Amino acid sequence: MPLADFGCGTHPYPRFSFPSIFWDALKCYRVGAFRAAISSTWVALAYDPIRKYRELDGLGDAEARVFLQHWDVSVTANNIAKLLELEDRL
């Protein structure tokens, strides 16, 4: 499969939607801000599973609820070590 330009608005996975922060990363890449593009892409990739965990929690998924409880407590306490551990599980 040839390399697709995801910024053109069409890609081979029409039902797949990217978080808006991904589009920001793409804009950074296009103007040559490569460090910002890499950072923004990582944030987009980490944000999407957390958003999906929140959706699953809303549907009553017990594992998602446990993960989010650990995540939210770690964010509130600014527990970087625990956040890195949880990030590895994404």
Protein backbone atom coordinates (compact mmCIF):
# COMPACT_ATOMS: atom_id res chain seq x y z
CA MET A 1 0.00 0.00 0.00
CA PRO A 2 1.50 3.38 -0.93
CA LEU A 3 2.13 6.00 1.70
CA ALA A 4 -1.08 7.96 2.19
CA ASP A 5 -1.34 11.64 2.93
CA PHE A 6 -3.71 11.65 5.88
CA GLY A 7 -3.96 15.40 5.64
CA CYS A 8 -5.78 15.28 2.33
CA GLY A 9 -9.02 14.29 4.06
CA THR A 10 -9.33 10.89 2.39
CA HIS A 11 -7.68 7.73 3.52
CA PRO A 12 -8.34 4.00 3.15
CA TYR A 13 -10.15 3.79 6.51
CA PRO A 14 -13.18 6.07 6.17
CA ARG A 15 -14.74 5.05 9.51
CA PHE A 16 -11.52 5.84 11.40
CA SER A 17 -11.43 9.35 12.81
CA PHE A 18 -8.40 11.02 14.29
CA PRO A 19 -8.56 13.25 17.34
CA SER A 20 -8.29 16.92 16.43
CA ILE A 21 -4.88 17.09 18.10
CA PHE A 22 -3.60 14.73 15.39
CA TRP A 23 -4.47 17.32 12.77
CA ASP A 24 -2.49 19.88 14.78
CA ALA A 25 0.49 17.53 14.70
CA LEU A 26 0.12 17.19 10.95
CA LYS A 27 0.09 20.97 10.56
CA CYS A 28 3.29 21.18 12.64
CA TYR A 29 4.92 18.58 10.42
CA ARG A 30 3.95 20.37 7.23
CA VAL A 31 5.52 23.66 8.34
CA GLY A 32 8.71 21.94 9.47
CA ALA A 33 8.17 22.03 13.24
CA PHE A 34 9.24 18.40 13.59
CA ARG A 35 9.74 18.33 17.37
CA ALA A 36 6.30 19.79 17.90
CA ALA A 37 4.88 17.28 15.40
CA ILE A 38 6.42 14.34 17.27
CA SER A 39 5.23 15.61 20.65
CA SER A 40 1.73 16.33 19.38
CA THR A 41 1.50 12.94 17.71
CA TRP A 42 2.46 11.20 20.94
CA VAL A 43 -0.15 13.19 22.86
CA ALA A 44 -2.76 12.29 20.23
CA LEU A 45 -1.83 8.60 20.42
CA ALA A 46 -1.99 8.59 24.21
CA TYR A 47 -5.17 10.68 24.39
CA ASP A 48 -7.22 8.46 22.10
CA PRO A 49 -7.09 5.28 24.25
CA ILE A 50 -7.86 7.30 27.39
CA ARG A 51 -10.88 8.81 25.64
CA LYS A 52 -11.98 5.31 24.68
CA TYR A 53 -11.51 4.12 28.26
CA ARG A 54 -13.84 6.94 29.35
CA GLU A 55 -16.42 5.84 26.79
CA LEU A 56 -16.17 2.24 28.00
CA ASP A 57 -16.46 3.41 31.60
CA GLY A 58 -19.66 5.22 30.65
CA LEU A 59 -20.97 1.94 29.28
CA GLY A 60 -20.21 0.18 32.56
CA ASP A 61 -16.94 -1.60 31.77
CA ALA A 62 -15.31 -2.50 35.11
CA GLU A 63 -11.74 -2.76 33.79
CA ALA A 64 -11.97 0.67 32.19
CA ARG A 65 -13.30 2.11 35.44
CA VAL A 66 -10.37 0.66 37.44
CA PHE A 67 -7.84 1.97 34.92
CA LEU A 68 -9.38 5.44 34.95
CA GLN A 69 -9.48 5.54 38.75
CA HIS A 70 -5.75 4.83 38.83
CA TRP A 71 -5.16 7.35 36.03
CA ASP A 72 -7.19 10.15 37.62
CA VAL A 73 -5.63 9.66 41.06
CA SER A 74 -2.14 9.70 39.52
CA VAL A 75 -2.88 12.86 37.54
CA THR A 76 -4.28 14.63 40.61
CA ALA A 77 -1.29 13.58 42.73
CA ASN A 78 1.16 14.40 39.91
CA ASN A 79 2.58 10.89 40.34
CA ILE A 80 4.81 10.76 37.27
CA ALA A 81 6.15 7.26 37.96
CA LYS A 82 2.64 5.81 38.14
CA LEU A 83 1.54 7.72 35.05
CA LEU A 84 4.48 6.31 33.10
CA GLU A 85 3.56 2.83 34.29
CA LEU A 86 -0.04 3.34 33.20
CA GLU A 87 1.09 4.84 29.90
CA ASP A 88 3.05 1.65 29.20
CA ARG A 89 -0.25 -0.24 29.48
CA LEU A 90 -1.92 1.87 26.81
